[in-house]
PDB file of N, CA and C in Angstrom:
ATOM      1  N   UNK A   1      97.869 127.799 117.549  1.00  0.00           N
ATOM      2  CA  UNK A   1      97.122 126.541 117.160  1.00  0.00           C
ATOM      3  C   UNK A   1      95.631 126.697 117.068  1.00  0.00           C
ATOM      4  N   UNK A   2      95.075 126.462 115.962  1.00  0.00           N
ATOM      5  CA  UNK A   2      93.635 126.569 115.768  1.00  0.00           C
ATOM      6  C   UNK A   2      92.937 125.246 116.086  1.00  0.00           C
ATOM      7  N   UNK A   3      92.231 125.233 117.207  1.00  0.00           N
ATOM      8  CA  UNK A   3      91.575 124.077 117.625  1.00  0.00           C
ATOM      9  C   UNK A   3      90.079 124.121 117.194  1.00  0.00           C
ATOM     10  N   UNK A   4      89.581 125.221 116.776  1.00  0.00           N
ATOM     11  CA  UNK A   4      88.215 125.357 116.421  1.00  0.00           C
ATOM     12  C   UNK A   4      87.947 125.332 114.959  1.00  0.00           C
ATOM     13  N   UNK A   5      89.130 125.274 114.282  1.00  0.00           N
ATOM     14  CA  UNK A   5      89.009 125.098 112.815  1.00  0.00           C
ATOM     15  C   UNK A   5      89.459 123.801 112.316  1.00  0.00           C
ATOM     16  N   UNK A   6      88.732 123.024 111.424  1.00  0.00           N
ATOM     17  CA  UNK A   6      89.077 121.776 110.836  1.00  0.00           C
ATOM     18  C   UNK A   6      90.110 122.127 109.732  1.00  0.00           C
ATOM     19  N   UNK A   7      91.161 121.312 109.770  1.00  0.00           N
ATOM     20  CA  UNK A   7      92.207 121.429 108.721  1.00  0.00           C
ATOM     21  C   UNK A   7      91.539 121.142 107.336  1.00  0.00           C
ATOM     22  N   UNK A   8      91.929 121.888 106.370  1.00  0.00           N
ATOM     23  CA  UNK A   8      91.470 121.645 104.996  1.00  0.00           C
ATOM     24  C   UNK A   8      91.993 120.436 104.438  1.00  0.00           C
ATOM     25  N   UNK A   9      91.275 119.803 103.494  1.00  0.00           N
ATOM     26  CA  UNK A   9      91.698 118.634 103.012  1.00  0.00           C
ATOM     27  C   UNK A   9      92.928 118.858 101.985  1.00  0.00           C
ATOM     28  N   UNK A  10      92.896 119.779 101.339  1.00  0.00           N
ATOM     29  CA  UNK A  10      93.965 120.244 100.526  1.00  0.00           C
ATOM     30  C   UNK A  10      94.459 121.697 101.038  1.00  0.00           C
ATOM     31  N   UNK A  11      95.604 121.781 101.315  1.00  0.00           N
ATOM     32  CA  UNK A  11      96.150 123.144 101.925  1.00  0.00           C
ATOM     33  C   UNK A  11      96.888 123.754 100.630  1.00  0.00           C
ATOM     34  N   UNK A  12      96.651 125.147 100.729  1.00  0.00           N
ATOM     35  CA  UNK A  12      97.452 125.922  99.826  1.00  0.00           C
ATOM     36  C   UNK A  12      98.810 126.195 100.417  1.00  0.00           C
ATOM     37  N   UNK A  13      99.796 126.559  99.490  1.00  0.00           N
ATOM     38  CA  UNK A  13     101.179 126.847  99.939  1.00  0.00           C
ATOM     39  C   UNK A  13     101.213 127.961 100.858  1.00  0.00           C
ATOM     40  N   UNK A  14     100.422 128.964 100.542  1.00  0.00           N
ATOM     41  CA  UNK A  14     100.454 130.138 101.531  1.00  0.00           C
ATOM     42  C   UNK A  14      99.653 130.070 102.776  1.00  0.00           C
ATOM     43  N   UNK A  15      99.083 128.865 103.109  1.00  0.00           N
ATOM     44  CA  UNK A  15      98.278 128.766 104.391  1.00  0.00           C
ATOM     45  C   UNK A  15      99.245 128.377 105.469  1.00  0.00           C
ATOM     46  N   UNK A  16      99.633 129.330 106.243  1.00  0.00           N
ATOM     47  CA  UNK A  16     100.519 129.182 107.354  1.00  0.00           C
ATOM     48  C   UNK A  16      99.818 128.868 108.722  1.00  0.00           C
ATOM     49  N   UNK A  17      98.493 128.605 108.746  1.00  0.00           N
ATOM     50  CA  UNK A  17      97.835 128.468 110.045  1.00  0.00           C
ATOM     51  C   UNK A  17      98.081 126.921 110.441  1.00  0.00           C
ATOM     52  N   UNK A  18      98.337 126.783 111.672  1.00  0.00           N
ATOM     53  CA  UNK A  18      98.694 125.429 112.387  1.00  0.00           C
ATOM     54  C   UNK A  18      97.299 125.074 112.953  1.00  0.00           C
ATOM     55  N   UNK A  19      96.777 123.989 112.367  1.00  0.00           N
ATOM     56  CA  UNK A  19      95.501 123.523 112.690  1.00  0.00           C
ATOM     57  C   UNK A  19      95.553 122.410 113.797  1.00  0.00           C
ATOM     58  N   UNK A  20      96.754 122.203 114.398  1.00  0.00           N
ATOM     59  CA  UNK A  20      96.903 121.346 115.415  1.00  0.00           C
ATOM     60  C   UNK A  20      97.280 119.912 114.885  1.00  0.00           C
ATOM     61  N   UNK A  21      97.242 119.711 113.554  1.00  0.00           N
ATOM     62  CA  UNK A  21      97.445 118.338 112.965  1.00  0.00           C
ATOM     63  C   UNK A  21      98.989 118.226 112.521  1.00  0.00           C
ATOM     64  N   UNK A  22      99.892 119.119 112.919  1.00  0.00           N
ATOM     65  CA  UNK A  22     101.190 119.094 112.543  1.00  0.00           C
ATOM     66  C   UNK A  22     102.043 118.647 113.589  1.00  0.00           C
ATOM     67  N   UNK A  23     103.034 118.088 113.195  1.00  0.00           N
ATOM     68  CA  UNK A  23     104.045 117.377 114.263  1.00  0.00           C
ATOM     69  C   UNK A  23     104.775 118.539 115.123  1.00  0.00           C
ATOM     70  N   UNK A  24     105.232 118.141 116.174  1.00  0.00           N
ATOM     71  CA  UNK A  24     106.013 119.203 117.010  1.00  0.00           C
ATOM     72  C   UNK A  24     107.473 119.006 116.605  1.00  0.00           C
ATOM     73  N   UNK A  25     108.313 119.751 117.363  1.00  0.00           N
ATOM     74  CA  UNK A  25     109.726 119.694 117.008  1.00  0.00           C
ATOM     75  C   UNK A  25     110.343 118.277 117.157  1.00  0.00           C
ATOM     76  N   UNK A  26     109.968 117.584 118.127  1.00  0.00           N
ATOM     77  CA  UNK A  26     110.498 116.148 118.555  1.00  0.00           C
ATOM     78  C   UNK A  26     110.138 115.286 117.303  1.00  0.00           C
ATOM     79  N   UNK A  27     108.883 115.504 116.847  1.00  0.00           N
ATOM     80  CA  UNK A  27     108.367 114.605 115.673  1.00  0.00           C
ATOM     81  C   UNK A  27     109.069 114.910 114.454  1.00  0.00           C
ATOM     82  N   UNK A  28     109.593 116.125 114.223  1.00  0.00           N
ATOM     83  CA  UNK A  28     110.338 116.484 113.142  1.00  0.00           C
ATOM     84  C   UNK A  28     111.676 115.915 113.097  1.00  0.00           C
ATOM     85  N   UNK A  29     112.200 116.052 114.226  1.00  0.00           N
ATOM     86  CA  UNK A  29     113.698 115.554 114.493  1.00  0.00           C
ATOM     87  C   UNK A  29     113.744 114.052 114.432  1.00  0.00           C
ATOM     88  N   UNK A  30     112.764 113.378 115.025  1.00  0.00           N
ATOM     89  CA  UNK A  30     112.615 112.000 115.338  1.00  0.00           C
ATOM     90  C   UNK A  30     111.394 111.385 114.791  1.00  0.00           C
ATOM     91  N   UNK A  31     111.147 111.502 113.495  1.00  0.00           N
ATOM     92  CA  UNK A  31     109.899 110.890 112.949  1.00  0.00           C
ATOM     93  C   UNK A  31     109.775 109.406 113.162  1.00  0.00           C
ATOM     94  N   UNK A  32     108.520 108.987 113.225  1.00  0.00           N
ATOM     95  CA  UNK A  32     108.324 107.532 113.525  1.00  0.00           C
ATOM     96  C   UNK A  32     108.429 106.831 112.173  1.00  0.00           C
ATOM     97  N   UNK A  33     108.628 105.396 112.298  1.00  0.00           N
ATOM     98  CA  UNK A  33     108.863 104.585 111.228  1.00  0.00           C
ATOM     99  C   UNK A  33     107.726 104.750 110.211  1.00  0.00           C
ATOM    100  N   UNK A  34     106.555 104.910 110.740  1.00  0.00           N
ATOM    101  CA  UNK A  34     105.407 104.923 109.947  1.00  0.00           C
ATOM    102  C   UNK A  34     105.254 106.238 109.175  1.00  0.00           C
ATOM    103  N   UNK A  35     105.549 107.329 109.771  1.00  0.00           N
ATOM    104  CA  UNK A  35     105.546 108.648 109.007  1.00  0.00           C
ATOM    105  C   UNK A  35     106.530 108.703 107.953  1.00  0.00           C
ATOM    106  N   UNK A  36     107.557 107.969 107.983  1.00  0.00           N
ATOM    107  CA  UNK A  36     108.458 107.925 106.835  1.00  0.00           C
ATOM    108  C   UNK A  36     107.952 107.010 105.664  1.00  0.00           C
ATOM    109  N   UNK A  37     106.729 106.413 105.793  1.00  0.00           N
ATOM    110  CA  UNK A  37     105.989 105.810 104.742  1.00  0.00           C
ATOM    111  C   UNK A  37     104.733 106.396 104.565  1.00  0.00           C
ATOM    112  N   UNK A  38     104.552 107.765 104.906  1.00  0.00           N
ATOM    113  CA  UNK A  38     103.320 108.513 104.774  1.00  0.00           C
ATOM    114  C   UNK A  38     102.131 108.019 105.573  1.00  0.00           C
ATOM    115  N   UNK A  39     102.401 107.290 106.693  1.00  0.00           N
ATOM    116  CA  UNK A  39     101.247 106.911 107.623  1.00  0.00           C
ATOM    117  C   UNK A  39     101.480 107.705 108.783  1.00  0.00           C
ATOM    118  N   UNK A  40     100.386 108.295 109.368  1.00  0.00           N
ATOM    119  CA  UNK A  40     100.629 109.226 110.601  1.00  0.00           C
ATOM    120  C   UNK A  40      99.728 108.705 111.679  1.00  0.00           C
ATOM    121  N   UNK A  41      99.945 108.989 112.891  1.00  0.00           N
ATOM    122  CA  UNK A  41      99.213 108.565 114.065  1.00  0.00           C
ATOM    123  C   UNK A  41      97.815 108.483 113.792  1.00  0.00           C
ATOM    124  N   UNK A  42      97.265 109.705 113.370  1.00  0.00           N
ATOM    125  CA  UNK A  42      95.764 109.712 113.303  1.00  0.00           C
ATOM    126  C   UNK A  42      95.184 108.590 112.250  1.00  0.00           C
ATOM    127  N   UNK A  43      95.974 108.017 111.326  1.00  0.00           N
ATOM    128  CA  UNK A  43      95.521 106.948 110.471  1.00  0.00           C
ATOM    129  C   UNK A  43      95.238 105.649 111.181  1.00  0.00           C
ATOM    130  N   UNK A  44      95.873 105.534 112.243  1.00  0.00           N
ATOM    131  CA  UNK A  44      95.853 104.284 113.097  1.00  0.00           C
ATOM    132  C   UNK A  44      94.431 104.348 113.918  1.00  0.00           C
ATOM    133  N   UNK A  45      93.809 105.473 114.029  1.00  0.00           N
ATOM    134  CA  UNK A  45      92.614 105.654 114.876  1.00  0.00           C
ATOM    135  C   UNK A  45      91.310 105.935 114.000  1.00  0.00           C
ATOM    136  N   UNK A  46      91.538 105.935 112.731  1.00  0.00           N
ATOM    137  CA  UNK A  46      90.245 106.300 111.870  1.00  0.00           C
ATOM    138  C   UNK A  46      89.382 104.998 111.789  1.00  0.00           C
ATOM    139  N   UNK A  47      88.109 105.173 111.639  1.00  0.00           N
ATOM    140  CA  UNK A  47      87.196 104.079 111.430  1.00  0.00           C
ATOM    141  C   UNK A  47      87.554 103.369 110.245  1.00  0.00           C
ATOM    142  N   UNK A  48      87.540 102.005 110.137  1.00  0.00           N
ATOM    143  CA  UNK A  48      87.877 101.277 108.929  1.00  0.00           C
ATOM    144  C   UNK A  48      86.879 100.172 108.869  1.00  0.00           C
ATOM    145  N   UNK A  49      86.769  99.734 107.511  1.00  0.00           N
ATOM    146  CA  UNK A  49      85.796  98.694 107.252  1.00  0.00           C
ATOM    147  C   UNK A  49      86.606  97.266 107.326  1.00  0.00           C
ATOM    148  N   UNK A  50      85.842  96.218 107.355  1.00  0.00           N
ATOM    149  CA  UNK A  50      86.482  94.952 107.518  1.00  0.00           C
ATOM    150  C   UNK A  50      87.536  94.704 106.373  1.00  0.00           C
ATOM    151  N   UNK A  51      87.155  95.110 105.266  1.00  0.00           N
ATOM    152  CA  UNK A  51      87.986  94.919 104.126  1.00  0.00           C
ATOM    153  C   UNK A  51      89.316  95.606 104.115  1.00  0.00           C
ATOM    154  N   UNK A  52      89.183  96.927 104.773  1.00  0.00           N
ATOM    155  CA  UNK A  52      90.417  97.695 105.016  1.00  0.00           C
ATOM    156  C   UNK A  52      91.325  97.057 106.037  1.00  0.00           C
ATOM    157  N   UNK A  53      90.694  96.518 107.038  1.00  0.00           N
ATOM    158  CA  UNK A  53      91.620  95.989 108.185  1.00  0.00           C
ATOM    159  C   UNK A  53      92.210  94.639 107.618  1.00  0.00           C
ATOM    160  N   UNK A  54      91.461  93.822 106.831  1.00  0.00           N
ATOM    161  CA  UNK A  54      92.032  92.784 106.268  1.00  0.00           C
ATOM    162  C   UNK A  54      93.125  93.042 105.160  1.00  0.00           C
ATOM    163  N   UNK A  55      92.964  94.070 104.497  1.00  0.00           N
ATOM    164  CA  UNK A  55      94.035  94.577 103.534  1.00  0.00           C
ATOM    165  C   UNK A  55      95.350  94.959 104.272  1.00  0.00           C
ATOM    166  N   UNK A  56      95.153  95.670 105.374  1.00  0.00           N
ATOM    167  CA  UNK A  56      96.389  96.024 106.283  1.00  0.00           C
ATOM    168  C   UNK A  56      97.015  94.898 106.697  1.00  0.00           C
ATOM    169  N   UNK A  57      96.246  93.902 107.308  1.00  0.00           N
ATOM    170  CA  UNK A  57      96.785  92.677 107.804  1.00  0.00           C
ATOM    171  C   UNK A  57      97.537  91.794 106.809  1.00  0.00           C
ATOM    172  N   UNK A  58      96.950  91.728 105.683  1.00  0.00           N
ATOM    173  CA  UNK A  58      97.500  90.928 104.526  1.00  0.00           C
ATOM    174  C   UNK A  58      98.762  91.609 104.125  1.00  0.00           C
ATOM    175  N   UNK A  59      98.801  93.034 103.937  1.00  0.00           N
ATOM    176  CA  UNK A  59      99.955  93.826 103.627  1.00  0.00           C
ATOM    177  C   UNK A  59     101.235  93.492 104.577  1.00  0.00           C
ATOM    178  N   UNK A  60     100.992  93.319 105.784  1.00  0.00           N
ATOM    179  CA  UNK A  60     102.093  93.007 106.883  1.00  0.00           C
ATOM    180  C   UNK A  60     102.369  91.650 107.084  1.00  0.00           C
ATOM    181  N   UNK A  61     101.706  90.690 106.420  1.00  0.00           N
ATOM    182  CA  UNK A  61     101.912  89.414 106.423  1.00  0.00           C
ATOM    183  C   UNK A  61     101.102  88.564 107.509  1.00  0.00           C
ATOM    184  N   UNK A  62     100.108  89.160 108.062  1.00  0.00           N
ATOM    185  CA  UNK A  62      99.422  88.496 109.088  1.00  0.00           C
ATOM    186  C   UNK A  62      98.315  87.734 108.496  1.00  0.00           C
ATOM    187  N   UNK A  63      98.195  86.365 108.757  1.00  0.00           N
ATOM    188  CA  UNK A  63      97.360  85.478 108.296  1.00  0.00           C
ATOM    189  C   UNK A  63      96.401  84.969 109.335  1.00  0.00           C
ATOM    190  N   UNK A  64      94.991  84.842 109.092  1.00  0.00           N
ATOM    191  CA  UNK A  64      94.185  84.275 110.182  1.00  0.00           C
ATOM    192  C   UNK A  64      92.922  83.811 109.307  1.00  0.00           C
ATOM    193  N   UNK A  65      92.212  82.724 109.979  1.00  0.00           N
ATOM    194  CA  UNK A  65      90.941  82.319 109.388  1.00  0.00           C
ATOM    195  C   UNK A  65      89.715  83.354 109.559  1.00  0.00           C
ATOM    196  N   UNK A  66      88.812  83.228 108.696  1.00  0.00           N
ATOM    197  CA  UNK A  66      87.723  84.162 108.776  1.00  0.00           C
ATOM    198  C   UNK A  66      87.071  84.178 110.102  1.00  0.00           C
ATOM    199  N   UNK A  67      86.948  82.910 110.740  1.00  0.00           N
ATOM    200  CA  UNK A  67      86.305  82.888 112.078  1.00  0.00           C
ATOM    201  C   UNK A  67      87.139  83.667 113.099  1.00  0.00           C
ATOM    202  N   UNK A  68      88.393  83.489 113.095  1.00  0.00           N
ATOM    203  CA  UNK A  68      89.307  84.265 113.917  1.00  0.00           C
ATOM    204  C   UNK A  68      89.144  85.823 113.700  1.00  0.00           C
ATOM    205  N   UNK A  69      89.078  86.097 112.534  1.00  0.00           N
ATOM    206  CA  UNK A  69      89.001  87.607 112.014  1.00  0.00           C
ATOM    207  C   UNK A  69      87.743  88.084 112.700  1.00  0.00           C
ATOM    208  N   UNK A  70      86.577  87.309 112.588  1.00  0.00           N
ATOM    209  CA  UNK A  70      85.250  87.892 112.966  1.00  0.00           C
ATOM    210  C   UNK A  70      85.317  88.081 114.457  1.00  0.00           C
ATOM    211  N   UNK A  71      85.909  87.027 115.136  1.00  0.00           N
ATOM    212  CA  UNK A  71      85.851  87.206 116.622  1.00  0.00           C
ATOM    213  C   UNK A  71      86.712  88.493 117.084  1.00  0.00           C
ATOM    214  N   UNK A  72      87.849  88.666 116.405  1.00  0.00           N
ATOM    215  CA  UNK A  72      88.791  89.751 116.754  1.00  0.00           C
ATOM    216  C   UNK A  72      87.875  91.091 116.442  1.00  0.00           C
ATOM    217  N   UNK A  73      87.205  91.149 115.234  1.00  0.00           N
ATOM    218  CA  UNK A  73      86.522  92.270 114.840  1.00  0.00           C
ATOM    219  C   UNK A  73      85.366  92.618 115.969  1.00  0.00           C
ATOM    220  N   UNK A  74      84.837  91.587 116.432  1.00  0.00           N
ATOM    221  CA  UNK A  74      83.705  91.820 117.523  1.00  0.00           C
ATOM    222  C   UNK A  74      84.324  92.310 118.817  1.00  0.00           C
ATOM    223  N   UNK A  75      85.556  91.908 119.220  1.00  0.00           N
ATOM    224  CA  UNK A  75      86.070  92.394 120.243  1.00  0.00           C
ATOM    225  C   UNK A  75      86.627  93.837 120.085  1.00  0.00           C
ATOM    226  N   UNK A  76      87.178  94.058 119.050  1.00  0.00           N
ATOM    227  CA  UNK A  76      87.561  95.414 118.709  1.00  0.00           C
ATOM    228  C   UNK A  76      86.440  96.489 118.571  1.00  0.00           C
ATOM    229  N   UNK A  77      85.242  96.002 118.127  1.00  0.00           N
ATOM    230  CA  UNK A  77      84.018  96.795 118.087  1.00  0.00           C
ATOM    231  C   UNK A  77      83.552  97.048 119.480  1.00  0.00           C
ATOM    232  N   UNK A  78      83.803  96.166 120.425  1.00  0.00           N
ATOM    233  CA  UNK A  78      83.342  96.355 121.718  1.00  0.00           C
ATOM    234  C   UNK A  78      84.172  97.353 122.610  1.00  0.00           C
ATOM    235  N   UNK A  79      85.308  97.769 122.042  1.00  0.00           N
ATOM    236  CA  UNK A  79      86.225  98.807 122.686  1.00  0.00           C
ATOM    237  C   UNK A  79      85.817 100.106 122.430  1.00  0.00           C
ATOM    238  N   UNK A  80      84.978 100.352 121.431  1.00  0.00           N
ATOM    239  CA  UNK A  80      84.608 101.643 121.138  1.00  0.00           C
ATOM    240  C   UNK A  80      83.051 101.793 121.479  1.00  0.00           C
ATOM    241  N   UNK A  81      82.640 102.917 122.002  1.00  0.00           N
ATOM    242  CA  UNK A  81      81.364 103.140 122.432  1.00  0.00           C
ATOM    243  C   UNK A  81      80.305 103.200 121.157  1.00  0.00           C
ATOM    244  N   UNK A  82      80.858 103.508 119.998  1.00  0.00           N
ATOM    245  CA  UNK A  82      79.989 103.478 118.784  1.00  0.00           C
ATOM    246  C   UNK A  82      80.145 102.153 117.981  1.00  0.00           C
ATOM    247  N   UNK A  83      80.971 101.198 118.367  1.00  0.00           N
ATOM    248  CA  UNK A  83      81.176  99.985 117.728  1.00  0.00           C
ATOM    249  C   UNK A  83      82.163 100.282 116.431  1.00  0.00           C
ATOM    250  N   UNK A  84      82.956 101.408 116.332  1.00  0.00           N
ATOM    251  CA  UNK A  84      83.829 101.700 115.314  1.00  0.00           C
ATOM    252  C   UNK A  84      85.080 100.788 115.540  1.00  0.00           C
ATOM    253  N   UNK A  85      85.652 100.349 114.474  1.00  0.00           N
ATOM    254  CA  UNK A  85      86.884  99.560 114.673  1.00  0.00           C
ATOM    255  C   UNK A  85      87.949 100.214 113.785  1.00  0.00           C
ATOM    256  N   UNK A  86      89.064 100.463 114.361  1.00  0.00           N
ATOM    257  CA  UNK A  86      90.261 101.182 113.766  1.00  0.00           C
ATOM    258  C   UNK A  86      91.466 100.142 113.668  1.00  0.00           C
ATOM    259  N   UNK A  87      92.427 100.304 113.033  1.00  0.00           N
ATOM    260  CA  UNK A  87      93.594  99.491 113.119  1.00  0.00           C
ATOM    261  C   UNK A  87      94.084  99.398 114.500  1.00  0.00           C
ATOM    262  N   UNK A  88      94.136 100.495 115.410  1.00  0.00           N
ATOM    263  CA  UNK A  88      94.624 100.518 116.766  1.00  0.00           C
ATOM    264  C   UNK A  88      93.748  99.568 117.594  1.00  0.00           C
ATOM    265  N   UNK A  89      92.377  99.688 117.529  1.00  0.00           N
ATOM    266  CA  UNK A  89      91.561  98.808 118.280  1.00  0.00           C
ATOM    267  C   UNK A  89      91.670  97.291 117.940  1.00  0.00           C
ATOM    268  N   UNK A  90      91.793  97.097 116.531  1.00  0.00           N
ATOM    269  CA  UNK A  90      91.941  95.691 116.154  1.00  0.00           C
ATOM    270  C   UNK A  90      93.287  95.157 116.662  1.00  0.00           C
ATOM    271  N   UNK A  91      94.328  95.958 116.692  1.00  0.00           N
ATOM    272  CA  UNK A  91      95.628  95.513 117.152  1.00  0.00           C
ATOM    273  C   UNK A  91      95.466  95.173 118.710  1.00  0.00           C
ATOM    274  N   UNK A  92      94.695  96.026 119.375  1.00  0.00           N
ATOM    275  CA  UNK A  92      94.510  95.837 120.809  1.00  0.00           C
ATOM    276  C   UNK A  92      93.833  94.475 121.008  1.00  0.00           C
ATOM    277  N   UNK A  93      92.676  94.269 120.247  1.00  0.00           N
ATOM    278  CA  UNK A  93      91.979  93.037 120.374  1.00  0.00           C
ATOM    279  C   UNK A  93      92.934  91.780 120.096  1.00  0.00           C
ATOM    280  N   UNK A  94      93.859  92.056 119.098  1.00  0.00           N
ATOM    281  CA  UNK A  94      94.693  90.828 118.774  1.00  0.00           C
ATOM    282  C   UNK A  94      95.656  90.690 119.894  1.00  0.00           C
ATOM    283  N   UNK A  95      96.062  91.767 120.506  1.00  0.00           N
ATOM    284  CA  UNK A  95      97.077  91.552 121.564  1.00  0.00           C
ATOM    285  C   UNK A  95      96.406  90.907 122.944  1.00  0.00           C
ATOM    286  N   UNK A  96      95.116  91.190 123.218  1.00  0.00           N
ATOM    287  CA  UNK A  96      94.413  90.762 124.287  1.00  0.00           C
ATOM    288  C   UNK A  96      93.981  89.191 124.001  1.00  0.00           C
ATOM    289  N   UNK A  97      93.754  89.019 122.761  1.00  0.00           N
ATOM    290  CA  UNK A  97      93.493  87.540 122.415  1.00  0.00           C
ATOM    291  C   UNK A  97      94.771  86.569 122.505  1.00  0.00           C
ATOM    292  N   UNK A  98      95.861  87.248 122.316  1.00  0.00           N
ATOM    293  CA  UNK A  98      97.197  86.458 122.424  1.00  0.00           C
ATOM    294  C   UNK A  98      97.471  86.086 123.866  1.00  0.00           C
ATOM    295  N   UNK A  99      97.150  86.976 124.756  1.00  0.00           N
ATOM    296  CA  UNK A  99      97.464  86.690 126.077  1.00  0.00           C
ATOM    297  C   UNK A  99      96.388  85.816 126.869  1.00  0.00           C
ATOM    298  N   UNK A 100      95.245  85.692 126.204  1.00  0.00           N
ATOM    299  CA  UNK A 100      94.286  84.794 126.705  1.00  0.00           C
ATOM    300  C   UNK A 100      94.491  83.348 126.420  1.00  0.00           C
ATOM    301  N   UNK A 101      95.391  83.110 125.438  1.00  0.00           N
ATOM    302  CA  UNK A 101      95.669  81.704 124.905  1.00  0.00           C
ATOM    303  C   UNK A 101      96.326  80.972 126.067  1.00  0.00           C
ATOM    304  N   UNK A 102      95.890  79.789 126.336  1.00  0.00           N
ATOM    305  CA  UNK A 102      96.714  79.003 127.417  1.00  0.00           C
ATOM    306  C   UNK A 102      98.042  78.677 127.035  1.00  0.00           C
ATOM    307  N   UNK A 103      99.070  78.810 127.892  1.00  0.00           N
ATOM    308  CA  UNK A 103     100.445  78.580 127.545  1.00  0.00           C
ATOM    309  C   UNK A 103     100.564  77.076 127.218  1.00  0.00           C
ATOM    310  N   UNK A 104     101.576  76.967 126.139  1.00  0.00           N
ATOM    311  CA  UNK A 104     101.779  75.605 125.528  1.00  0.00           C
ATOM    312  C   UNK A 104     102.878  75.055 126.317  1.00  0.00           C
ATOM    313  N   UNK A 105     102.892  73.778 126.688  1.00  0.00           N
ATOM    314  CA  UNK A 105     103.973  73.065 127.352  1.00  0.00           C
ATOM    315  C   UNK A 105     104.678  72.182 126.313  1.00  0.00           C
ATOM    316  N   UNK A 106     105.926  72.188 126.507  1.00  0.00           N
ATOM    317  CA  UNK A 106     106.974  71.410 125.643  1.00  0.00           C
ATOM    318  C   UNK A 106     107.141  70.083 126.326  1.00  0.00           C
ATOM    319  N   UNK A 107     106.787  69.002 125.633  1.00  0.00           N
ATOM    320  CA  UNK A 107     106.974  67.675 126.237  1.00  0.00           C
ATOM    321  C   UNK A 107     108.365  67.093 125.786  1.00  0.00           C
TER     322      UNK A 107
END
């Protein structure tokens, strides 16, 4: 495994080097639901713009007001030392906000 070389954007068929970005045997036998759709773990951790995050949320059927989105964006940015927001950090912010809501009582 090459850890000191970045994987090329486009690989040639004869490039047999393992750049460390390939799945292991377990991942090949039991691929994740996401990888079946061409989405890989590293994609969840890439820095994203607000419009990209909104697009992902809209695509999976999550709706929220602009105020709620901005608050969650702020929380997600606080999770990273550089203020970067990824799909994963936004999901974490959503989960944390969900558990901060006061429990609703049924009358």
